[in-house]
N, C-alpha and C. Protein backbone atom coordinates (compact mmCIF):
# COMPACT_ATOMS: atom_id res chain seq x y z
N PRO A 1 6.52 -5.01 6.76
CA PRO A 1 5.52 -3.97 6.62
C PRO A 1 4.63 -3.82 7.86
N TYR A 2 4.50 -4.88 8.64
CA TYR A 2 3.61 -4.83 9.81
C TYR A 2 3.99 -3.72 10.77
N HIS A 3 5.26 -3.39 10.86
CA HIS A 3 5.71 -2.37 11.80
C HIS A 3 5.21 -0.97 11.44
N HIS A 4 4.71 -0.79 10.25
CA HIS A 4 4.20 0.51 9.81
C HIS A 4 2.72 0.69 10.11
N PHE A 5 2.09 -0.31 10.72
CA PHE A 5 0.66 -0.26 10.99
C PHE A 5 0.41 -0.56 12.46
N ALA A 6 -0.62 0.05 12.99
CA ALA A 6 -0.93 -0.12 14.40
C ALA A 6 -1.39 -1.55 14.71
N THR A 7 -2.14 -2.15 13.79
CA THR A 7 -2.65 -3.49 14.01
C THR A 7 -2.55 -4.32 12.73
N ARG A 8 -2.70 -5.61 12.88
CA ARG A 8 -2.73 -6.50 11.72
C ARG A 8 -3.90 -6.12 10.82
N ASN A 9 -5.01 -5.78 11.42
CA ASN A 9 -6.20 -5.40 10.65
C ASN A 9 -5.93 -4.16 9.80
N ASP A 10 -5.20 -3.19 10.35
CA ASP A 10 -4.85 -1.99 9.58
C ASP A 10 -4.00 -2.35 8.36
N LEU A 11 -3.11 -3.31 8.53
CA LEU A 11 -2.29 -3.77 7.40
C LEU A 11 -3.17 -4.43 6.35
N LEU A 12 -4.09 -5.28 6.77
CA LEU A 12 -5.00 -5.93 5.82
C LEU A 12 -5.85 -4.91 5.07
N VAL A 13 -6.32 -3.90 5.77
CA VAL A 13 -7.12 -2.85 5.13
C VAL A 13 -6.30 -2.15 4.06
N ALA A 14 -5.05 -1.81 4.35
CA ALA A 14 -4.19 -1.13 3.38
C ALA A 14 -3.96 -2.00 2.15
N VAL A 15 -3.72 -3.29 2.36
CA VAL A 15 -3.52 -4.21 1.23
C VAL A 15 -4.80 -4.33 0.41
N ALA A 16 -5.94 -4.41 1.07
CA ALA A 16 -7.22 -4.52 0.37
C ALA A 16 -7.51 -3.26 -0.43
N ILE A 17 -7.24 -2.10 0.13
CA ILE A 17 -7.45 -0.84 -0.59
C ILE A 17 -6.61 -0.82 -1.86
N GLU A 18 -5.35 -1.21 -1.74
CA GLU A 18 -4.47 -1.26 -2.91
C GLU A 18 -5.02 -2.25 -3.94
N GLY A 19 -5.50 -3.39 -3.47
CA GLY A 19 -6.05 -4.39 -4.38
C GLY A 19 -7.26 -3.89 -5.14
N PHE A 20 -8.19 -3.24 -4.44
CA PHE A 20 -9.38 -2.72 -5.12
C PHE A 20 -9.01 -1.60 -6.10
N ALA A 21 -8.03 -0.79 -5.76
CA ALA A 21 -7.58 0.25 -6.69
C ALA A 21 -6.99 -0.37 -7.95
N ARG A 22 -6.20 -1.43 -7.77
CA ARG A 22 -5.62 -2.12 -8.92
C ARG A 22 -6.70 -2.82 -9.75
N LEU A 23 -7.68 -3.39 -9.08
CA LEU A 23 -8.78 -4.04 -9.79
C LEU A 23 -9.54 -3.01 -10.63
N ARG A 24 -9.82 -1.88 -10.04
CA ARG A 24 -10.53 -0.82 -10.79
C ARG A 24 -9.74 -0.39 -12.02
N ALA A 25 -8.44 -0.22 -11.86
CA ALA A 25 -7.60 0.17 -13.00
C ALA A 25 -7.62 -0.92 -14.07
N ALA A 26 -7.58 -2.17 -13.68
CA ALA A 26 -7.61 -3.27 -14.65
C ALA A 26 -8.93 -3.30 -15.41
N ILE A 27 -10.02 -3.06 -14.70
CA ILE A 27 -11.34 -3.04 -15.35
C ILE A 27 -11.44 -1.88 -16.33
N GLU A 28 -10.95 -0.71 -15.92
CA GLU A 28 -10.99 0.46 -16.80
C GLU A 28 -10.14 0.24 -18.05
N ARG A 29 -8.96 -0.34 -17.88
CA ARG A 29 -8.11 -0.62 -19.05
C ARG A 29 -8.77 -1.61 -19.99
N ALA A 30 -9.42 -2.60 -19.43
CA ALA A 30 -10.01 -3.67 -20.24
C ALA A 30 -11.15 -3.20 -21.12
N GLU A 31 -11.92 -2.25 -20.63
CA GLU A 31 -13.09 -1.85 -21.39
C GLU A 31 -12.76 -0.92 -22.55
N ARG A 32 -11.58 -0.35 -22.55
CA ARG A 32 -11.19 0.52 -23.66
C ARG A 32 -11.17 -0.30 -24.95
N GLY A 33 -11.70 0.25 -25.96
CA GLY A 33 -11.70 -0.43 -27.25
C GLY A 33 -12.85 -1.37 -27.46
N GLY A 34 -13.71 -1.50 -26.46
CA GLY A 34 -14.88 -2.36 -26.64
C GLY A 34 -15.82 -1.73 -27.65
N SER A 35 -16.29 -2.53 -28.59
CA SER A 35 -17.09 -1.97 -29.68
C SER A 35 -18.58 -1.88 -29.36
N SER A 36 -19.03 -2.62 -28.38
CA SER A 36 -20.46 -2.60 -28.04
C SER A 36 -20.60 -2.73 -26.53
N PRO A 37 -21.77 -2.42 -25.99
CA PRO A 37 -21.97 -2.61 -24.55
C PRO A 37 -21.70 -4.05 -24.12
N HIS A 38 -22.12 -5.00 -24.92
CA HIS A 38 -21.88 -6.42 -24.62
C HIS A 38 -20.38 -6.71 -24.57
N ASP A 39 -19.65 -6.22 -25.55
CA ASP A 39 -18.20 -6.44 -25.60
C ASP A 39 -17.51 -5.78 -24.41
N ARG A 40 -17.91 -4.57 -24.07
CA ARG A 40 -17.29 -3.89 -22.92
C ARG A 40 -17.56 -4.66 -21.63
N MET A 41 -18.77 -5.18 -21.48
CA MET A 41 -19.09 -5.95 -20.29
C MET A 41 -18.27 -7.23 -20.23
N ARG A 42 -18.15 -7.90 -21.35
CA ARG A 42 -17.34 -9.12 -21.41
C ARG A 42 -15.89 -8.82 -21.03
N ARG A 43 -15.37 -7.70 -21.54
CA ARG A 43 -14.01 -7.30 -21.22
C ARG A 43 -13.85 -7.00 -19.72
N ARG A 44 -14.84 -6.32 -19.14
CA ARG A 44 -14.79 -6.00 -17.71
C ARG A 44 -14.78 -7.27 -16.87
N LEU A 45 -15.68 -8.19 -17.18
CA LEU A 45 -15.75 -9.44 -16.41
C LEU A 45 -14.48 -10.27 -16.58
N SER A 46 -13.94 -10.28 -17.78
CA SER A 46 -12.68 -11.00 -18.02
C SER A 46 -11.54 -10.38 -17.21
N ALA A 47 -11.52 -9.07 -17.13
CA ALA A 47 -10.49 -8.39 -16.34
C ALA A 47 -10.62 -8.74 -14.87
N TYR A 48 -11.84 -8.80 -14.39
CA TYR A 48 -12.09 -9.17 -12.99
C TYR A 48 -11.57 -10.58 -12.71
N LEU A 49 -11.94 -11.52 -13.55
CA LEU A 49 -11.50 -12.90 -13.36
C LEU A 49 -9.99 -13.04 -13.50
N ARG A 50 -9.41 -12.35 -14.47
CA ARG A 50 -7.96 -12.40 -14.68
C ARG A 50 -7.24 -11.83 -13.45
N PHE A 51 -7.76 -10.73 -12.90
CA PHE A 51 -7.16 -10.15 -11.71
C PHE A 51 -7.20 -11.16 -10.56
N ALA A 52 -8.34 -11.79 -10.36
CA ALA A 52 -8.48 -12.76 -9.27
C ALA A 52 -7.50 -13.92 -9.43
N LEU A 53 -7.31 -14.38 -10.65
CA LEU A 53 -6.40 -15.51 -10.89
C LEU A 53 -4.94 -15.10 -10.79
N GLU A 54 -4.60 -13.94 -11.32
CA GLU A 54 -3.20 -13.51 -11.34
C GLU A 54 -2.74 -12.88 -10.03
N HIS A 55 -3.68 -12.40 -9.23
CA HIS A 55 -3.33 -11.73 -7.97
C HIS A 55 -4.12 -12.37 -6.83
N GLY A 56 -4.01 -13.67 -6.73
CA GLY A 56 -4.78 -14.43 -5.77
C GLY A 56 -4.58 -14.00 -4.32
N HIS A 57 -3.34 -13.67 -3.97
CA HIS A 57 -3.07 -13.25 -2.59
C HIS A 57 -3.78 -11.93 -2.28
N HIS A 58 -3.67 -10.99 -3.20
CA HIS A 58 -4.37 -9.71 -3.03
C HIS A 58 -5.88 -9.95 -2.94
N TYR A 59 -6.37 -10.75 -3.84
CA TYR A 59 -7.81 -11.02 -3.93
C TYR A 59 -8.33 -11.61 -2.62
N ARG A 60 -7.60 -12.55 -2.06
CA ARG A 60 -8.04 -13.15 -0.79
C ARG A 60 -8.08 -12.12 0.33
N VAL A 61 -7.12 -11.22 0.37
CA VAL A 61 -7.14 -10.18 1.40
C VAL A 61 -8.31 -9.22 1.17
N MET A 62 -8.59 -8.89 -0.08
CA MET A 62 -9.68 -7.97 -0.40
C MET A 62 -11.02 -8.46 0.15
N PHE A 63 -11.18 -9.77 0.22
CA PHE A 63 -12.45 -10.35 0.68
C PHE A 63 -12.28 -11.12 1.99
N HIS A 64 -11.28 -10.74 2.75
CA HIS A 64 -11.00 -11.39 4.03
C HIS A 64 -12.17 -11.16 4.99
N PRO A 65 -12.57 -12.18 5.75
CA PRO A 65 -13.70 -12.03 6.68
C PRO A 65 -13.54 -10.90 7.69
N LEU A 66 -12.32 -10.58 8.09
CA LEU A 66 -12.11 -9.50 9.05
C LEU A 66 -12.46 -8.13 8.49
N LEU A 67 -12.57 -8.04 7.17
CA LEU A 67 -12.79 -6.74 6.53
C LEU A 67 -14.23 -6.57 6.04
N ARG A 68 -15.11 -7.43 6.44
CA ARG A 68 -16.49 -7.39 5.94
C ARG A 68 -17.31 -6.22 6.47
N ASP A 69 -16.96 -5.70 7.63
CA ASP A 69 -17.74 -4.61 8.22
C ASP A 69 -17.30 -3.28 7.60
N ALA A 70 -17.98 -2.88 6.55
CA ALA A 70 -17.62 -1.68 5.80
C ALA A 70 -17.68 -0.42 6.66
N ALA A 71 -18.55 -0.41 7.65
CA ALA A 71 -18.71 0.79 8.48
C ALA A 71 -17.44 1.13 9.25
N THR A 72 -16.64 0.12 9.54
CA THR A 72 -15.41 0.38 10.30
C THR A 72 -14.23 0.72 9.39
N HIS A 73 -14.43 0.61 8.08
CA HIS A 73 -13.35 0.89 7.13
C HIS A 73 -13.89 1.73 5.97
N PRO A 74 -14.21 3.01 6.20
CA PRO A 74 -14.85 3.81 5.15
C PRO A 74 -14.00 3.96 3.88
N GLU A 75 -12.68 4.09 4.03
CA GLU A 75 -11.84 4.24 2.83
C GLU A 75 -11.84 2.95 2.01
N LEU A 76 -11.79 1.83 2.69
CA LEU A 76 -11.86 0.54 2.00
C LEU A 76 -13.21 0.39 1.31
N ASP A 77 -14.28 0.74 1.99
CA ASP A 77 -15.62 0.65 1.41
C ASP A 77 -15.71 1.51 0.15
N ALA A 78 -15.21 2.73 0.21
CA ALA A 78 -15.28 3.62 -0.95
C ALA A 78 -14.45 3.09 -2.12
N THR A 79 -13.28 2.56 -1.84
CA THR A 79 -12.42 2.03 -2.90
C THR A 79 -13.04 0.79 -3.53
N ALA A 80 -13.62 -0.07 -2.69
CA ALA A 80 -14.27 -1.28 -3.21
C ALA A 80 -15.48 -0.91 -4.07
N ARG A 81 -16.27 0.03 -3.61
CA ARG A 81 -17.44 0.46 -4.39
C ARG A 81 -17.02 1.04 -5.73
N ALA A 82 -15.96 1.83 -5.73
CA ALA A 82 -15.47 2.41 -6.99
C ALA A 82 -15.03 1.32 -7.96
N ALA A 83 -14.40 0.30 -7.45
CA ALA A 83 -13.97 -0.81 -8.33
C ALA A 83 -15.17 -1.52 -8.94
N PHE A 84 -16.20 -1.75 -8.14
CA PHE A 84 -17.35 -2.49 -8.63
C PHE A 84 -18.27 -1.64 -9.50
N GLU A 85 -18.17 -0.32 -9.41
CA GLU A 85 -18.96 0.54 -10.29
C GLU A 85 -18.63 0.25 -11.75
N GLY A 86 -17.37 -0.10 -12.01
CA GLY A 86 -16.97 -0.44 -13.37
C GLY A 86 -17.69 -1.66 -13.89
N LEU A 87 -18.05 -2.58 -13.02
CA LEU A 87 -18.80 -3.76 -13.44
C LEU A 87 -20.28 -3.47 -13.56
N VAL A 88 -20.79 -2.62 -12.68
CA VAL A 88 -22.21 -2.37 -12.61
C VAL A 88 -22.68 -1.44 -13.72
N GLU A 89 -21.79 -0.55 -14.18
CA GLU A 89 -22.16 0.37 -15.25
C GLU A 89 -22.81 -0.38 -16.37
């Protein structure tokens, strides 16, 4: 896959974007059927933890130190924020 990206960093950004999109989908799926705000929050947090445990490689890339500067990766920043909105709601 590296040959499809200009730099290693571009590859990491693409993997992180995919990871945050998948995390957001997992959080959205988990909250369906929650009977109370407390239950929905518990489901969201469980989905987050389950994602981190089941997709450890993705998770590590999502929080890789090279990707911390959100200003240089606006699409990654937007995708990450969208994923975390599900937790913050």
